Amino acid sequence: MILIVLIILYVAGNYQQFIDANQRLILYTSAIVSALLFLFATAGFVESIGLIIVTGKENFPWFYILLFFLTMIFSAAVLVILRVISFLSNGL
């Protein structure tokens, strides 16, 4: 949730022409939040797979595994995009 708020803040700040240092701070903070989201989503995904293996339940709610996997993909994509924008904003 905070990642989405930070991305909206970055876009709004870009439109309202925030100072460059503030823009870079927002990008850096967003990248950290995205990396942490990826880390926690990966941990949840691995934990869900481990729980299926340990308990042997075949009727495990696969929705959670799918949700963790989609969150991992989303956060990884956002992290790559944010780092590319940060690299380009610092100059080539």
PDB file of N, CA and C in Angstrom:
ATOM      1  N   MET A   1       0.818  -1.181   0.000  1.00  0.00           N
ATOM      2  CA  MET A   1       0.000   0.000   0.000  1.00  0.00           C
ATOM      3  C   MET A   1       0.873   1.260   0.000  1.00  0.00           C
ATOM      4  N   ILE A   2       1.918   1.245   0.825  1.00  0.00           N
ATOM      5  CA  ILE A   2       2.780   2.422   0.876  1.00  0.00           C
ATOM      6  C   ILE A   2       3.560   2.580  -0.428  1.00  0.00           C
ATOM      7  N   LEU A   3       3.835   1.469  -1.098  1.00  0.00           N
ATOM      8  CA  LEU A   3       4.532   1.545  -2.383  1.00  0.00           C
ATOM      9  C   LEU A   3       3.688   2.284  -3.405  1.00  0.00           C
ATOM     10  N   ILE A   4       2.411   1.999  -3.434  1.00  0.00           N
ATOM     11  CA  ILE A   4       1.513   2.681  -4.369  1.00  0.00           C
ATOM     12  C   ILE A   4       1.420   4.164  -4.034  1.00  0.00           C
ATOM     13  N   VAL A   5       1.363   4.487  -2.739  1.00  0.00           N
ATOM     14  CA  VAL A   5       1.307   5.890  -2.316  1.00  0.00           C
ATOM     15  C   VAL A   5       2.580   6.624  -2.722  1.00  0.00           C
ATOM     16  N   LEU A   6       3.732   5.988  -2.550  1.00  0.00           N
ATOM     17  CA  LEU A   6       4.987   6.627  -2.926  1.00  0.00           C
ATOM     18  C   LEU A   6       5.092   6.829  -4.438  1.00  0.00           C
ATOM     19  N   ILE A   7       4.601   5.874  -5.209  1.00  0.00           N
ATOM     20  CA  ILE A   7       4.635   6.032  -6.661  1.00  0.00           C
ATOM     21  C   ILE A   7       3.705   7.165  -7.090  1.00  0.00           C
ATOM     22  N   ILE A   8       2.534   7.258  -6.476  1.00  0.00           N
ATOM     23  CA  ILE A   8       1.618   8.370  -6.785  1.00  0.00           C
ATOM     24  C   ILE A   8       2.247   9.693  -6.381  1.00  0.00           C
ATOM     25  N   LEU A   9       2.921   9.723  -5.229  1.00  0.00           N
ATOM     26  CA  LEU A   9       3.610  10.937  -4.789  1.00  0.00           C
ATOM     27  C   LEU A   9       4.702  11.321  -5.771  1.00  0.00           C
ATOM     28  N   TYR A  10       5.432  10.346  -6.300  1.00  0.00           N
ATOM     29  CA  TYR A  10       6.470  10.637  -7.282  1.00  0.00           C
ATOM     30  C   TYR A  10       5.874  11.220  -8.555  1.00  0.00           C
ATOM     31  N   VAL A  11       4.797  10.617  -9.025  1.00  0.00           N
ATOM     32  CA  VAL A  11       4.159  11.107 -10.256  1.00  0.00           C
ATOM     33  C   VAL A  11       3.593  12.521 -10.041  1.00  0.00           C
ATOM     34  N   ALA A  12       2.942  12.734  -8.895  1.00  0.00           N
ATOM     35  CA  ALA A  12       2.403  14.062  -8.597  1.00  0.00           C
ATOM     36  C   ALA A  12       3.522  15.079  -8.447  1.00  0.00           C
ATOM     37  N   GLY A  13       4.616  14.674  -7.811  1.00  0.00           N
ATOM     38  CA  GLY A  13       5.752  15.574  -7.659  1.00  0.00           C
ATOM     39  C   GLY A  13       6.418  15.881  -8.976  1.00  0.00           C
ATOM     40  N   ASN A  14       6.413  14.927  -9.866  1.00  0.00           N
ATOM     41  CA  ASN A  14       6.957  15.155 -11.198  1.00  0.00           C
ATOM     42  C   ASN A  14       6.094  16.166 -11.946  1.00  0.00           C
ATOM     43  N   TYR A  15       4.806  16.065 -11.768  1.00  0.00           N
ATOM     44  CA  TYR A  15       3.878  16.992 -12.423  1.00  0.00           C
ATOM     45  C   TYR A  15       3.983  18.387 -11.810  1.00  0.00           C
ATOM     46  N   GLN A  16       4.154  18.465 -10.489  1.00  0.00           N
ATOM     47  CA  GLN A  16       4.223  19.747  -9.804  1.00  0.00           C
ATOM     48  C   GLN A  16       5.644  20.277  -9.679  1.00  0.00           C
ATOM     49  N   GLN A  17       6.591  19.587 -10.287  1.00  0.00           N
ATOM     50  CA  GLN A  17       7.997  19.980 -10.359  1.00  0.00           C
ATOM     51  C   GLN A  17       8.630  20.148  -8.972  1.00  0.00           C
ATOM     52  N   PHE A  18       8.633  19.033  -8.221  1.00  0.00           N
ATOM     53  CA  PHE A  18       9.343  19.014  -6.943  1.00  0.00           C
ATOM     54  C   PHE A  18      10.833  19.228  -7.191  1.00  0.00           C
ATOM     55  N   ILE A  19      11.553  19.544  -6.137  1.00  0.00           N
ATOM     56  CA  ILE A  19      12.998  19.682  -6.230  1.00  0.00           C
ATOM     57  C   ILE A  19      13.597  18.309  -6.554  1.00  0.00           C
ATOM     58  N   ASP A  20      14.692  18.310  -7.308  1.00  0.00           N
ATOM     59  CA  ASP A  20      15.300  17.047  -7.738  1.00  0.00           C
ATOM     60  C   ASP A  20      15.718  16.162  -6.573  1.00  0.00           C
ATOM     61  N   ALA A  21      16.218  16.759  -5.507  1.00  0.00           N
ATOM     62  CA  ALA A  21      16.633  15.966  -4.349  1.00  0.00           C
ATOM     63  C   ALA A  21      15.435  15.259  -3.720  1.00  0.00           C
ATOM     64  N   ASN A  22      14.290  15.916  -3.690  1.00  0.00           N
ATOM     65  CA  ASN A  22      13.079  15.282  -3.156  1.00  0.00           C
ATOM     66  C   ASN A  22      12.618  14.140  -4.049  1.00  0.00           C
ATOM     67  N   GLN A  23      12.713  14.331  -5.344  1.00  0.00           N
ATOM     68  CA  GLN A  23      12.332  13.280  -6.285  1.00  0.00           C
ATOM     69  C   GLN A  23      13.222  12.053  -6.111  1.00  0.00           C
ATOM     70  N   ARG A  24      14.535  12.283  -5.978  1.00  0.00           N
ATOM     71  CA  ARG A  24      15.446  11.155  -5.786  1.00  0.00           C
ATOM     72  C   ARG A  24      15.194  10.446  -4.467  1.00  0.00           C
ATOM     73  N   LEU A  25      14.854  11.200  -3.425  1.00  0.00           N
ATOM     74  CA  LEU A  25      14.539  10.595  -2.131  1.00  0.00           C
ATOM     75  C   LEU A  25      13.285   9.719  -2.232  1.00  0.00           C
ATOM     76  N   ILE A  26      12.283  10.207  -2.943  1.00  0.00           N
ATOM     77  CA  ILE A  26      11.061   9.421  -3.137  1.00  0.00           C
ATOM     78  C   ILE A  26      11.372   8.152  -3.933  1.00  0.00           C
ATOM     79  N   LEU A  27      12.200   8.269  -4.977  1.00  0.00           N
ATOM     80  CA  LEU A  27      12.589   7.091  -5.762  1.00  0.00           C
ATOM     81  C   LEU A  27      13.359   6.087  -4.918  1.00  0.00           C
ATOM     82  N   TYR A  28      14.285   6.584  -4.121  1.00  0.00           N
ATOM     83  CA  TYR A  28      15.096   5.696  -3.274  1.00  0.00           C
ATOM     84  C   TYR A  28      14.225   4.988  -2.238  1.00  0.00           C
ATOM     85  N   THR A  29      13.337   5.729  -1.621  1.00  0.00           N
ATOM     86  CA  THR A  29      12.430   5.143  -0.627  1.00  0.00           C
ATOM     87  C   THR A  29      11.505   4.115  -1.273  1.00  0.00           C
ATOM     88  N   SER A  30      11.006   4.431  -2.451  1.00  0.00           N
ATOM     89  CA  SER A  30      10.138   3.492  -3.167  1.00  0.00           C
ATOM     90  C   SER A  30      10.881   2.212  -3.526  1.00  0.00           C
ATOM     91  N   ALA A  31      12.133   2.340  -3.915  1.00  0.00           N
ATOM     92  CA  ALA A  31      12.928   1.155  -4.258  1.00  0.00           C
ATOM     93  C   ALA A  31      13.154   0.282  -3.029  1.00  0.00           C
ATOM     94  N   ILE A  32      13.419   0.900  -1.881  1.00  0.00           N
ATOM     95  CA  ILE A  32      13.607   0.122  -0.651  1.00  0.00           C
ATOM     96  C   ILE A  32      12.321  -0.599  -0.267  1.00  0.00           C
ATOM     97  N   VAL A  33      11.203   0.113  -0.348  1.00  0.00           N
ATOM     98  CA  VAL A  33       9.911  -0.497  -0.007  1.00  0.00           C
ATOM     99  C   VAL A  33       9.597  -1.640  -0.970  1.00  0.00           C
ATOM    100  N   SER A  34       9.897  -1.459  -2.245  1.00  0.00           N
ATOM    101  CA  SER A  34       9.643  -2.508  -3.227  1.00  0.00           C
ATOM    102  C   SER A  34      10.524  -3.731  -2.972  1.00  0.00           C
ATOM    103  N   ALA A  35      11.775  -3.511  -2.615  1.00  0.00           N
ATOM    104  CA  ALA A  35      12.668  -4.632  -2.313  1.00  0.00           C
ATOM    105  C   ALA A  35      12.190  -5.391  -1.073  1.00  0.00           C
ATOM    106  N   LEU A  36      11.751  -4.664  -0.059  1.00  0.00           N
ATOM    107  CA  LEU A  36      11.233  -5.323   1.147  1.00  0.00           C
ATOM    108  C   LEU A  36       9.947  -6.087   0.853  1.00  0.00           C
ATOM    109  N   LEU A  37       9.088  -5.510   0.017  1.00  0.00           N
ATOM    110  CA  LEU A  37       7.869  -6.210  -0.367  1.00  0.00           C
ATOM    111  C   LEU A  37       8.194  -7.501  -1.103  1.00  0.00           C
ATOM    112  N   PHE A  38       9.199  -7.449  -1.975  1.00  0.00           N
ATOM    113  CA  PHE A  38       9.626  -8.657  -2.674  1.00  0.00           C
ATOM    114  C   PHE A  38      10.159  -9.694  -1.692  1.00  0.00           C
ATOM    115  N   LEU A  39      10.936  -9.244  -0.717  1.00  0.00           N
ATOM    116  CA  LEU A  39      11.490 -10.155   0.283  1.00  0.00           C
ATOM    117  C   LEU A  39      10.384 -10.832   1.089  1.00  0.00           C
ATOM    118  N   PHE A  40       9.421 -10.071   1.561  1.00  0.00           N
ATOM    119  CA  PHE A  40       8.351 -10.648   2.375  1.00  0.00           C
ATOM    120  C   PHE A  40       7.407 -11.519   1.539  1.00  0.00           C
ATOM    121  N   ALA A  41       7.167 -11.142   0.289  1.00  0.00           N
ATOM    122  CA  ALA A  41       6.323 -11.973  -0.569  1.00  0.00           C
ATOM    123  C   ALA A  41       7.009 -13.300  -0.876  1.00  0.00           C
ATOM    124  N   THR A  42       8.328 -13.258  -1.066  1.00  0.00           N
ATOM    125  CA  THR A  42       9.079 -14.488  -1.292  1.00  0.00           C
ATOM    126  C   THR A  42       9.029 -15.382  -0.062  1.00  0.00           C
ATOM    127  N   ALA A  43       9.178 -14.776   1.116  1.00  0.00           N
ATOM    128  CA  ALA A  43       9.099 -15.555   2.355  1.00  0.00           C
ATOM    129  C   ALA A  43       7.721 -16.192   2.519  1.00  0.00           C
ATOM    130  N   GLY A  44       6.667 -15.455   2.213  1.00  0.00           N
ATOM    131  CA  GLY A  44       5.321 -16.010   2.303  1.00  0.00           C
ATOM    132  C   GLY A  44       5.085 -17.123   1.298  1.00  0.00           C
ATOM    133  N   PHE A  45       5.631 -16.967   0.094  1.00  0.00           N
ATOM    134  CA  PHE A  45       5.501 -17.983  -0.940  1.00  0.00           C
ATOM    135  C   PHE A  45       6.197 -19.274  -0.518  1.00  0.00           C
ATOM    136  N   VAL A  46       7.428 -19.135  -0.027  1.00  0.00           N
ATOM    137  CA  VAL A  46       8.191 -20.310   0.410  1.00  0.00           C
ATOM    138  C   VAL A  46       7.515 -20.966   1.616  1.00  0.00           C
ATOM    139  N   GLU A  47       7.014 -20.145   2.528  1.00  0.00           N
ATOM    140  CA  GLU A  47       6.331 -20.693   3.694  1.00  0.00           C
ATOM    141  C   GLU A  47       5.065 -21.452   3.290  1.00  0.00           C
ATOM    142  N   SER A  48       4.321 -20.930   2.332  1.00  0.00           N
ATOM    143  CA  SER A  48       3.112 -21.623   1.877  1.00  0.00           C
ATOM    144  C   SER A  48       3.441 -22.948   1.209  1.00  0.00           C
ATOM    145  N   ILE A  49       4.480 -22.956   0.388  1.00  0.00           N
ATOM    146  CA  ILE A  49       4.901 -24.204  -0.254  1.00  0.00           C
ATOM    147  C   ILE A  49       5.370 -25.200   0.809  1.00  0.00           C
ATOM    148  N   GLY A  50       6.150 -24.727   1.788  1.00  0.00           N
ATOM    149  CA  GLY A  50       6.605 -25.598   2.867  1.00  0.00           C
ATOM    150  C   GLY A  50       5.451 -26.137   3.688  1.00  0.00           C
ATOM    151  N   LEU A  51       4.438 -25.325   3.924  1.00  0.00           N
ATOM    152  CA  LEU A  51       3.274 -25.770   4.677  1.00  0.00           C
ATOM    153  C   LEU A  51       2.511 -26.860   3.930  1.00  0.00           C
ATOM    154  N   ILE A  52       2.421 -26.734   2.631  1.00  0.00           N
ATOM    155  CA  ILE A  52       1.762 -27.773   1.826  1.00  0.00           C
ATOM    156  C   ILE A  52       2.549 -29.075   1.919  1.00  0.00           C
ATOM    157  N   ILE A  53       3.874 -28.975   1.833  1.00  0.00           N
ATOM    158  CA  ILE A  53       4.705 -30.181   1.872  1.00  0.00           C
ATOM    159  C   ILE A  53       4.643 -30.848   3.243  1.00  0.00           C
ATOM    160  N   VAL A  54       4.727 -30.045   4.304  1.00  0.00           N
ATOM    161  CA  VAL A  54       4.756 -30.604   5.657  1.00  0.00           C
ATOM    162  C   VAL A  54       3.415 -31.201   6.052  1.00  0.00           C
ATOM    163  N   THR A  55       2.334 -30.481   5.793  1.00  0.00           N
ATOM    164  CA  THR A  55       1.024 -30.971   6.220  1.00  0.00           C
ATOM    165  C   THR A  55       0.443 -31.999   5.268  1.00  0.00           C
ATOM    166  N   GLY A  56       0.868 -31.952   4.022  1.00  0.00           N
ATOM    167  CA  GLY A  56       0.354 -32.909   3.050  1.00  0.00           C
ATOM    168  C   GLY A  56      -1.074 -32.622   2.616  1.00  0.00           C
ATOM    169  N   LYS A  57      -1.544 -31.414   2.883  1.00  0.00           N
ATOM    170  CA  LYS A  57      -2.910 -31.066   2.477  1.00  0.00           C
ATOM    171  C   LYS A  57      -2.962 -30.833   0.975  1.00  0.00           C
ATOM    172  N   GLU A  58      -3.917 -31.466   0.349  1.00  0.00           N
ATOM    173  CA  GLU A  58      -4.098 -31.247  -1.078  1.00  0.00           C
ATOM    174  C   GLU A  58      -5.145 -30.172  -1.342  1.00  0.00           C
ATOM    175  N   ASN A  59      -5.932 -29.844  -0.336  1.00  0.00           N
ATOM    176  CA  ASN A  59      -6.963 -28.830  -0.523  1.00  0.00           C
ATOM    177  C   ASN A  59      -6.538 -27.496   0.087  1.00  0.00           C
ATOM    178  N   PHE A  60      -5.225 -27.212   0.023  1.00  0.00           N
ATOM    179  CA  PHE A  60      -4.705 -25.951   0.525  1.00  0.00           C
ATOM    180  C   PHE A  60      -5.239 -24.811  -0.343  1.00  0.00           C
ATOM    181  N   PRO A  61      -5.575 -23.664   0.251  1.00  0.00           N
ATOM    182  CA  PRO A  61      -6.074 -22.546  -0.567  1.00  0.00           C
ATOM    183  C   PRO A  61      -4.971 -21.984  -1.472  1.00  0.00           C
ATOM    184  N   TRP A  62      -5.039 -22.334  -2.716  1.00  0.00           N
ATOM    185  CA  TRP A  62      -4.024 -21.930  -3.686  1.00  0.00           C
ATOM    186  C   TRP A  62      -4.062 -20.442  -3.968  1.00  0.00           C
ATOM    187  N   PHE A  63      -5.119 -19.783  -3.512  1.00  0.00           N
ATOM    188  CA  PHE A  63      -5.234 -18.339  -3.720  1.00  0.00           C
ATOM    189  C   PHE A  63      -4.061 -17.604  -3.075  1.00  0.00           C
ATOM    190  N   TYR A  64      -3.635 -18.050  -1.890  1.00  0.00           N
ATOM    191  CA  TYR A  64      -2.548 -17.379  -1.186  1.00  0.00           C
ATOM    192  C   TYR A  64      -1.223 -17.531  -1.921  1.00  0.00           C
ATOM    193  N   ILE A  65      -0.989 -18.698  -2.451  1.00  0.00           N
ATOM    194  CA  ILE A  65       0.240 -18.917  -3.212  1.00  0.00           C
ATOM    195  C   ILE A  65       0.245 -18.046  -4.458  1.00  0.00           C
ATOM    196  N   LEU A  66      -0.880 -17.984  -5.125  1.00  0.00           N
ATOM    197  CA  LEU A  66      -0.988 -17.133  -6.315  1.00  0.00           C
ATOM    198  C   LEU A  66      -0.815 -15.664  -5.948  1.00  0.00           C
ATOM    199  N   LEU A  67      -1.402 -15.247  -4.845  1.00  0.00           N
ATOM    200  CA  LEU A  67      -1.288 -13.863  -4.401  1.00  0.00           C
ATOM    201  C   LEU A  67       0.165 -13.509  -4.063  1.00  0.00           C
ATOM    202  N   PHE A  68       0.855 -14.385  -3.354  1.00  0.00           N
ATOM    203  CA  PHE A  68       2.267 -14.134  -3.049  1.00  0.00           C
ATOM    204  C   PHE A  68       3.101 -14.087  -4.319  1.00  0.00           C
ATOM    205  N   PHE A  69       2.824 -14.977  -5.256  1.00  0.00           N
ATOM    206  CA  PHE A  69       3.580 -15.011  -6.506  1.00  0.00           C
ATOM    207  C   PHE A  69       3.357 -13.744  -7.326  1.00  0.00           C
ATOM    208  N   LEU A  70       2.103 -13.304  -7.434  1.00  0.00           N
ATOM    209  CA  LEU A  70       1.816 -12.081  -8.179  1.00  0.00           C
ATOM    210  C   LEU A  70       2.415 -10.857  -7.500  1.00  0.00           C
ATOM    211  N   THR A  71       2.428 -10.843  -6.184  1.00  0.00           N
ATOM    212  CA  THR A  71       3.060  -9.747  -5.458  1.00  0.00           C
ATOM    213  C   THR A  71       4.559  -9.732  -5.695  1.00  0.00           C
ATOM    214  N   MET A  72       5.169 -10.908  -5.757  1.00  0.00           N
ATOM    215  CA  MET A  72       6.600 -10.982  -6.059  1.00  0.00           C
ATOM    216  C   MET A  72       6.890 -10.408  -7.437  1.00  0.00           C
ATOM    217  N   ILE A  73       6.088 -10.775  -8.419  1.00  0.00           N
ATOM    218  CA  ILE A  73       6.300 -10.284  -9.778  1.00  0.00           C
ATOM    219  C   ILE A  73       6.100  -8.773  -9.846  1.00  0.00           C
ATOM    220  N   PHE A  74       5.029  -8.282  -9.214  1.00  0.00           N
ATOM    221  CA  PHE A  74       4.746  -6.849  -9.223  1.00  0.00           C
ATOM    222  C   PHE A  74       5.872  -6.063  -8.565  1.00  0.00           C
ATOM    223  N   SER A  75       6.307  -6.493  -7.400  1.00  0.00           N
ATOM    224  CA  SER A  75       7.334  -5.738  -6.688  1.00  0.00           C
ATOM    225  C   SER A  75       8.674  -5.791  -7.414  1.00  0.00           C
ATOM    226  N   ALA A  76       9.000  -6.912  -8.030  1.00  0.00           N
ATOM    227  CA  ALA A  76      10.251  -7.011  -8.793  1.00  0.00           C
ATOM    228  C   ALA A  76      10.206  -6.095 -10.015  1.00  0.00           C
ATOM    229  N   ALA A  77       9.067  -6.059 -10.703  1.00  0.00           N
ATOM    230  CA  ALA A  77       8.937  -5.191 -11.873  1.00  0.00           C
ATOM    231  C   ALA A  77       9.020  -3.720 -11.474  1.00  0.00           C
ATOM    232  N   VAL A  78       8.351  -3.364 -10.399  1.00  0.00           N
ATOM    233  CA  VAL A  78       8.392  -1.973  -9.935  1.00  0.00           C
ATOM    234  C   VAL A  78       9.805  -1.602  -9.494  1.00  0.00           C
ATOM    235  N   LEU A  79      10.494  -2.523  -8.834  1.00  0.00           N
ATOM    236  CA  LEU A  79      11.865  -2.254  -8.395  1.00  0.00           C
ATOM    237  C   LEU A  79      12.778  -1.998  -9.591  1.00  0.00           C
ATOM    238  N   VAL A  80      12.655  -2.804 -10.624  1.00  0.00           N
ATOM    239  CA  VAL A  80      13.482  -2.606 -11.820  1.00  0.00           C
ATOM    240  C   VAL A  80      13.162  -1.266 -12.468  1.00  0.00           C
ATOM    241  N   ILE A  81      11.885  -0.945 -12.581  1.00  0.00           N
ATOM    242  CA  ILE A  81      11.492   0.326 -13.196  1.00  0.00           C
ATOM    243  C   ILE A  81      12.004   1.507 -12.373  1.00  0.00           C
ATOM    244  N   LEU A  82      11.882   1.428 -11.061  1.00  0.00           N
ATOM    245  CA  LEU A  82      12.349   2.520 -10.204  1.00  0.00           C
ATOM    246  C   LEU A  82      13.861   2.694 -10.283  1.00  0.00           C
ATOM    247  N   ARG A  83      14.590   1.595 -10.340  1.00  0.00           N
ATOM    248  CA  ARG A  83      16.047   1.712 -10.441  1.00  0.00           C
ATOM    249  C   ARG A  83      16.472   2.271 -11.796  1.00  0.00           C
ATOM    250  N   VAL A  84      15.746   1.936 -12.856  1.00  0.00           N
ATOM    251  CA  VAL A  84      16.056   2.500 -14.176  1.00  0.00           C
ATOM    252  C   VAL A  84      15.780   3.999 -14.174  1.00  0.00           C
ATOM    253  N   ILE A  85      14.657   4.409 -13.599  1.00  0.00           N
ATOM    254  CA  ILE A  85      14.331   5.831 -13.525  1.00  0.00           C
ATOM    255  C   ILE A  85      15.372   6.558 -12.677  1.00  0.00           C
ATOM    256  N   SER A  86      15.777   5.949 -11.583  1.00  0.00           N
ATOM    257  CA  SER A  86      16.795   6.555 -10.724  1.00  0.00           C
ATOM    258  C   SER A  86      18.125   6.688 -11.456  1.00  0.00           C
ATOM    259  N   PHE A  87      18.498   5.665 -12.202  1.00  0.00           N
ATOM    260  CA  PHE A  87      19.745   5.703 -12.981  1.00  0.00           C
ATOM    261  C   PHE A  87      19.682   6.805 -14.031  1.00  0.00           C
ATOM    262  N   LEU A  88      18.542   6.905 -14.714  1.00  0.00           N
ATOM    263  CA  LEU A  88      18.411   7.933 -15.743  1.00  0.00           C
ATOM    264  C   LEU A  88      18.348   9.338 -15.152  1.00  0.00           C
ATOM    265  N   SER A  89      17.758   9.468 -13.974  1.00  0.00           N
ATOM    266  CA  SER A  89      17.647  10.795 -13.367  1.00  0.00           C
ATOM    267  C   SER A  89      18.990  11.297 -12.839  1.00  0.00           C
ATOM    268  N   ASN A  90      19.898  10.377 -12.508  1.00  0.00           N
ATOM    269  CA  ASN A  90      21.221  10.785 -12.054  1.00  0.00           C
ATOM    270  C   ASN A  90      22.141  11.152 -13.214  1.00  0.00           C
ATOM    271  N   GLY A  91      21.729  10.850 -14.410  1.00  0.00           N
ATOM    272  CA  GLY A  91      22.541  11.154 -15.590  1.00  0.00           C
ATOM    273  C   GLY A  91      23.255   9.926 -16.088  1.00  0.00           C
ATOM    274  N   LEU A  92      23.473   9.883 -17.392  1.00  0.00           N
ATOM    275  CA  LEU A  92      24.122   8.704 -17.980  1.00  0.00           C
ATOM    276  C   LEU A  92      25.574   8.771 -17.843  1.00  0.00           C
TER     277      LEU A  92
END
